[in-house]
Amino acid sequence: LAVRPTLNDAQAWVREKVAPTIRATPAMRNVIAEQKSRDGASTTLFKSFPRGFLVITGANTSVDISSKSVRFIAKDEWD
């Protein structure tokens, strides 16, 4: 689970940082499912890979945070 300050910030972070990193890194590109709207394997804020997934959300969306059972969490600008 990656938590950004807001949901809008999370979407911008994926667009500006995460997606370009996945495209530029062969090891990541080969294991993270391509973003497709119909199969649900990966979306803008959900990245699927073998034996796991990454959910990206904003700290202002408590439902998204509390509804996920995760082993690891990454937080940005955590006060």
N, C-alpha and C. Protein backbone atom coordinates (compact mmCIF):
# COMPACT_ATOMS: atom_id res chain seq x y z
N LEU A 1 0.86 -1.17 0.00
CA LEU A 1 0.00 0.00 0.00
C LEU A 1 0.90 1.22 0.00
N ALA A 2 0.73 2.08 -0.97
CA ALA A 2 1.45 3.36 -1.03
C ALA A 2 0.44 4.47 -0.79
N VAL A 3 0.70 5.28 0.20
CA VAL A 3 -0.23 6.34 0.59
C VAL A 3 0.40 7.70 0.29
N ARG A 4 -0.28 8.47 -0.51
CA ARG A 4 0.12 9.84 -0.82
C ARG A 4 -0.80 10.78 -0.04
N PRO A 5 -0.49 12.07 0.03
CA PRO A 5 -1.32 12.98 0.83
C PRO A 5 -2.79 13.03 0.41
N THR A 6 -3.05 13.04 -0.90
CA THR A 6 -4.44 13.09 -1.38
C THR A 6 -4.59 12.11 -2.54
N LEU A 7 -5.82 11.80 -2.88
CA LEU A 7 -6.08 10.90 -4.00
C LEU A 7 -5.61 11.53 -5.32
N ASN A 8 -5.82 12.83 -5.48
CA ASN A 8 -5.33 13.52 -6.68
C ASN A 8 -3.82 13.44 -6.77
N ASP A 9 -3.14 13.60 -5.64
CA ASP A 9 -1.68 13.49 -5.61
C ASP A 9 -1.25 12.07 -5.96
N ALA A 10 -2.00 11.07 -5.49
CA ALA A 10 -1.68 9.68 -5.81
C ALA A 10 -1.77 9.43 -7.31
N GLN A 11 -2.81 9.94 -7.94
CA GLN A 11 -2.97 9.76 -9.39
C GLN A 11 -1.85 10.47 -10.15
N ALA A 12 -1.49 11.67 -9.73
CA ALA A 12 -0.41 12.41 -10.38
C ALA A 12 0.92 11.68 -10.19
N TRP A 13 1.15 11.14 -9.00
CA TRP A 13 2.39 10.42 -8.70
C TRP A 13 2.53 9.20 -9.60
N VAL A 14 1.44 8.48 -9.80
CA VAL A 14 1.48 7.32 -10.69
C VAL A 14 1.79 7.77 -12.11
N ARG A 15 1.11 8.79 -12.57
CA ARG A 15 1.28 9.29 -13.94
C ARG A 15 2.69 9.83 -14.18
N GLU A 16 3.24 10.55 -13.19
CA GLU A 16 4.53 11.23 -13.37
C GLU A 16 5.74 10.40 -12.96
N LYS A 17 5.57 9.49 -12.02
CA LYS A 17 6.72 8.74 -11.48
C LYS A 17 6.62 7.23 -11.68
N VAL A 18 5.52 6.64 -11.22
CA VAL A 18 5.42 5.18 -11.21
C VAL A 18 5.34 4.61 -12.63
N ALA A 19 4.41 5.08 -13.43
CA ALA A 19 4.24 4.54 -14.79
C ALA A 19 5.51 4.69 -15.64
N PRO A 20 6.17 5.86 -15.65
CA PRO A 20 7.41 5.96 -16.41
C PRO A 20 8.51 5.03 -15.89
N THR A 21 8.56 4.81 -14.59
CA THR A 21 9.55 3.90 -14.01
C THR A 21 9.29 2.47 -14.46
N ILE A 22 8.04 2.06 -14.45
CA ILE A 22 7.69 0.71 -14.91
C ILE A 22 8.06 0.54 -16.38
N ARG A 23 7.72 1.52 -17.20
CA ARG A 23 8.03 1.42 -18.64
C ARG A 23 9.54 1.40 -18.90
N ALA A 24 10.31 2.11 -18.09
CA ALA A 24 11.76 2.23 -18.33
C ALA A 24 12.58 1.11 -17.70
N THR A 25 11.98 0.30 -16.85
CA THR A 25 12.72 -0.74 -16.14
C THR A 25 12.27 -2.12 -16.62
N PRO A 26 13.10 -2.80 -17.40
CA PRO A 26 12.70 -4.10 -17.96
C PRO A 26 12.23 -5.10 -16.91
N ALA A 27 12.90 -5.18 -15.78
CA ALA A 27 12.50 -6.14 -14.74
C ALA A 27 11.09 -5.85 -14.23
N MET A 28 10.75 -4.59 -14.07
CA MET A 28 9.41 -4.23 -13.61
C MET A 28 8.39 -4.42 -14.72
N ARG A 29 8.75 -4.00 -15.93
CA ARG A 29 7.85 -4.10 -17.07
C ARG A 29 7.46 -5.55 -17.34
N ASN A 30 8.37 -6.48 -17.07
CA ASN A 30 8.10 -7.89 -17.34
C ASN A 30 7.20 -8.56 -16.30
N VAL A 31 7.10 -7.99 -15.10
CA VAL A 31 6.30 -8.65 -14.06
C VAL A 31 5.02 -7.91 -13.68
N ILE A 32 4.96 -6.61 -13.87
CA ILE A 32 3.76 -5.86 -13.52
C ILE A 32 2.80 -5.90 -14.70
N ALA A 33 1.59 -6.34 -14.42
CA ALA A 33 0.59 -6.47 -15.48
C ALA A 33 0.34 -5.13 -16.13
N GLU A 34 0.20 -5.15 -17.45
CA GLU A 34 -0.10 -3.94 -18.21
C GLU A 34 -1.45 -3.39 -17.80
N GLN A 35 -1.55 -2.08 -17.74
CA GLN A 35 -2.81 -1.44 -17.36
C GLN A 35 -3.84 -1.60 -18.45
N LYS A 36 -4.94 -2.26 -18.11
CA LYS A 36 -6.05 -2.46 -19.04
C LYS A 36 -7.34 -2.18 -18.29
N SER A 37 -8.27 -1.58 -18.96
CA SER A 37 -9.51 -1.20 -18.28
C SER A 37 -10.46 -2.37 -18.06
N ARG A 38 -10.37 -3.42 -18.86
CA ARG A 38 -11.37 -4.49 -18.79
C ARG A 38 -11.01 -5.66 -17.89
N ASP A 39 -9.73 -6.04 -17.83
CA ASP A 39 -9.41 -7.26 -17.08
C ASP A 39 -9.17 -7.02 -15.59
N GLY A 40 -8.94 -5.78 -15.18
CA GLY A 40 -8.76 -5.47 -13.78
C GLY A 40 -7.43 -5.90 -13.20
N ALA A 41 -6.51 -6.45 -14.03
CA ALA A 41 -5.22 -6.87 -13.52
C ALA A 41 -4.42 -5.69 -12.99
N SER A 42 -4.41 -4.60 -13.70
CA SER A 42 -3.75 -3.38 -13.26
C SER A 42 -4.58 -2.18 -13.71
N THR A 43 -4.68 -1.23 -12.83
CA THR A 43 -5.35 0.03 -13.15
C THR A 43 -4.42 1.15 -12.74
N THR A 44 -4.89 2.37 -12.81
CA THR A 44 -4.04 3.49 -12.42
C THR A 44 -3.56 3.34 -10.98
N LEU A 45 -4.43 2.97 -10.06
CA LEU A 45 -4.09 2.92 -8.64
C LEU A 45 -3.96 1.50 -8.08
N PHE A 46 -3.94 0.51 -8.95
CA PHE A 46 -3.76 -0.88 -8.54
C PHE A 46 -2.82 -1.55 -9.53
N LYS A 47 -1.68 -2.01 -9.05
CA LYS A 47 -0.69 -2.67 -9.90
C LYS A 47 -0.54 -4.11 -9.45
N SER A 48 -0.80 -5.04 -10.35
CA SER A 48 -0.74 -6.46 -10.06
C SER A 48 0.56 -7.06 -10.56
N PHE A 49 1.12 -7.97 -9.78
CA PHE A 49 2.33 -8.69 -10.18
C PHE A 49 2.28 -10.06 -9.50
N PRO A 50 3.11 -11.01 -9.94
CA PRO A 50 3.07 -12.35 -9.36
C PRO A 50 3.23 -12.31 -7.84
N ARG A 51 2.36 -13.01 -7.14
CA ARG A 51 2.35 -13.14 -5.68
C ARG A 51 2.11 -11.84 -4.94
N GLY A 52 1.52 -10.83 -5.60
CA GLY A 52 1.24 -9.60 -4.87
C GLY A 52 0.60 -8.52 -5.70
N PHE A 53 0.46 -7.37 -5.07
CA PHE A 53 -0.11 -6.21 -5.74
C PHE A 53 0.30 -4.96 -4.98
N LEU A 54 0.16 -3.84 -5.65
CA LEU A 54 0.42 -2.53 -5.04
C LEU A 54 -0.84 -1.71 -5.19
N VAL A 55 -1.36 -1.23 -4.08
CA VAL A 55 -2.50 -0.32 -4.08
C VAL A 55 -1.97 1.06 -3.73
N ILE A 56 -2.34 2.05 -4.53
CA ILE A 56 -1.91 3.43 -4.32
C ILE A 56 -3.14 4.25 -4.00
N THR A 57 -3.09 5.01 -2.92
CA THR A 57 -4.25 5.77 -2.49
C THR A 57 -3.82 7.06 -1.82
N GLY A 58 -4.79 7.86 -1.47
CA GLY A 58 -4.54 9.10 -0.76
C GLY A 58 -4.88 8.97 0.71
N ALA A 59 -4.19 9.71 1.55
CA ALA A 59 -4.45 9.68 2.99
C ALA A 59 -5.84 10.24 3.30
N ASN A 60 -6.40 10.99 2.38
CA ASN A 60 -7.72 11.58 2.60
C ASN A 60 -8.86 10.61 2.24
N THR A 61 -8.54 9.38 1.87
CA THR A 61 -9.57 8.38 1.54
C THR A 61 -9.48 7.24 2.55
N SER A 62 -10.01 7.45 3.73
CA SER A 62 -9.87 6.47 4.81
C SER A 62 -10.50 5.12 4.48
N VAL A 63 -11.53 5.09 3.67
CA VAL A 63 -12.15 3.81 3.30
C VAL A 63 -11.15 2.94 2.55
N ASP A 64 -10.42 3.52 1.60
CA ASP A 64 -9.42 2.75 0.86
C ASP A 64 -8.33 2.22 1.77
N ILE A 65 -7.92 3.00 2.74
CA ILE A 65 -6.85 2.58 3.64
C ILE A 65 -7.34 1.50 4.59
N SER A 66 -8.49 1.68 5.19
CA SER A 66 -8.97 0.74 6.20
C SER A 66 -9.51 -0.56 5.61
N SER A 67 -9.85 -0.58 4.35
CA SER A 67 -10.44 -1.79 3.76
C SER A 67 -9.40 -2.76 3.20
N LYS A 68 -8.13 -2.42 3.26
CA LYS A 68 -7.08 -3.26 2.71
C LYS A 68 -6.28 -3.94 3.81
N SER A 69 -6.03 -5.23 3.65
CA SER A 69 -5.11 -5.96 4.52
C SER A 69 -3.78 -6.05 3.79
N VAL A 70 -2.76 -5.39 4.30
CA VAL A 70 -1.47 -5.36 3.62
C VAL A 70 -0.35 -5.67 4.60
N ARG A 71 0.73 -6.17 4.05
CA ARG A 71 1.90 -6.49 4.87
C ARG A 71 2.83 -5.29 5.00
N PHE A 72 2.95 -4.49 3.93
CA PHE A 72 3.85 -3.35 3.92
C PHE A 72 3.10 -2.09 3.51
N ILE A 73 3.50 -0.97 4.06
CA ILE A 73 2.90 0.32 3.69
C ILE A 73 4.01 1.34 3.51
N ALA A 74 3.88 2.14 2.46
CA ALA A 74 4.82 3.24 2.21
C ALA A 74 4.03 4.53 2.32
N LYS A 75 4.53 5.46 3.12
CA LYS A 75 3.81 6.72 3.34
C LYS A 75 4.69 7.88 2.92
N ASP A 76 4.08 8.90 2.37
CA ASP A 76 4.81 10.09 1.96
C ASP A 76 4.22 11.29 2.69
N GLU A 77 5.06 12.15 3.18
CA GLU A 77 4.64 13.35 3.91
C GLU A 77 3.72 12.99 5.08
N TRP A 78 4.13 12.01 5.83
CA TRP A 78 3.34 11.52 6.96
C TRP A 78 3.57 12.43 8.17
N ASP A 79 2.54 13.02 8.70
CA ASP A 79 2.65 13.90 9.86
C ASP A 79 2.17 13.22 11.12
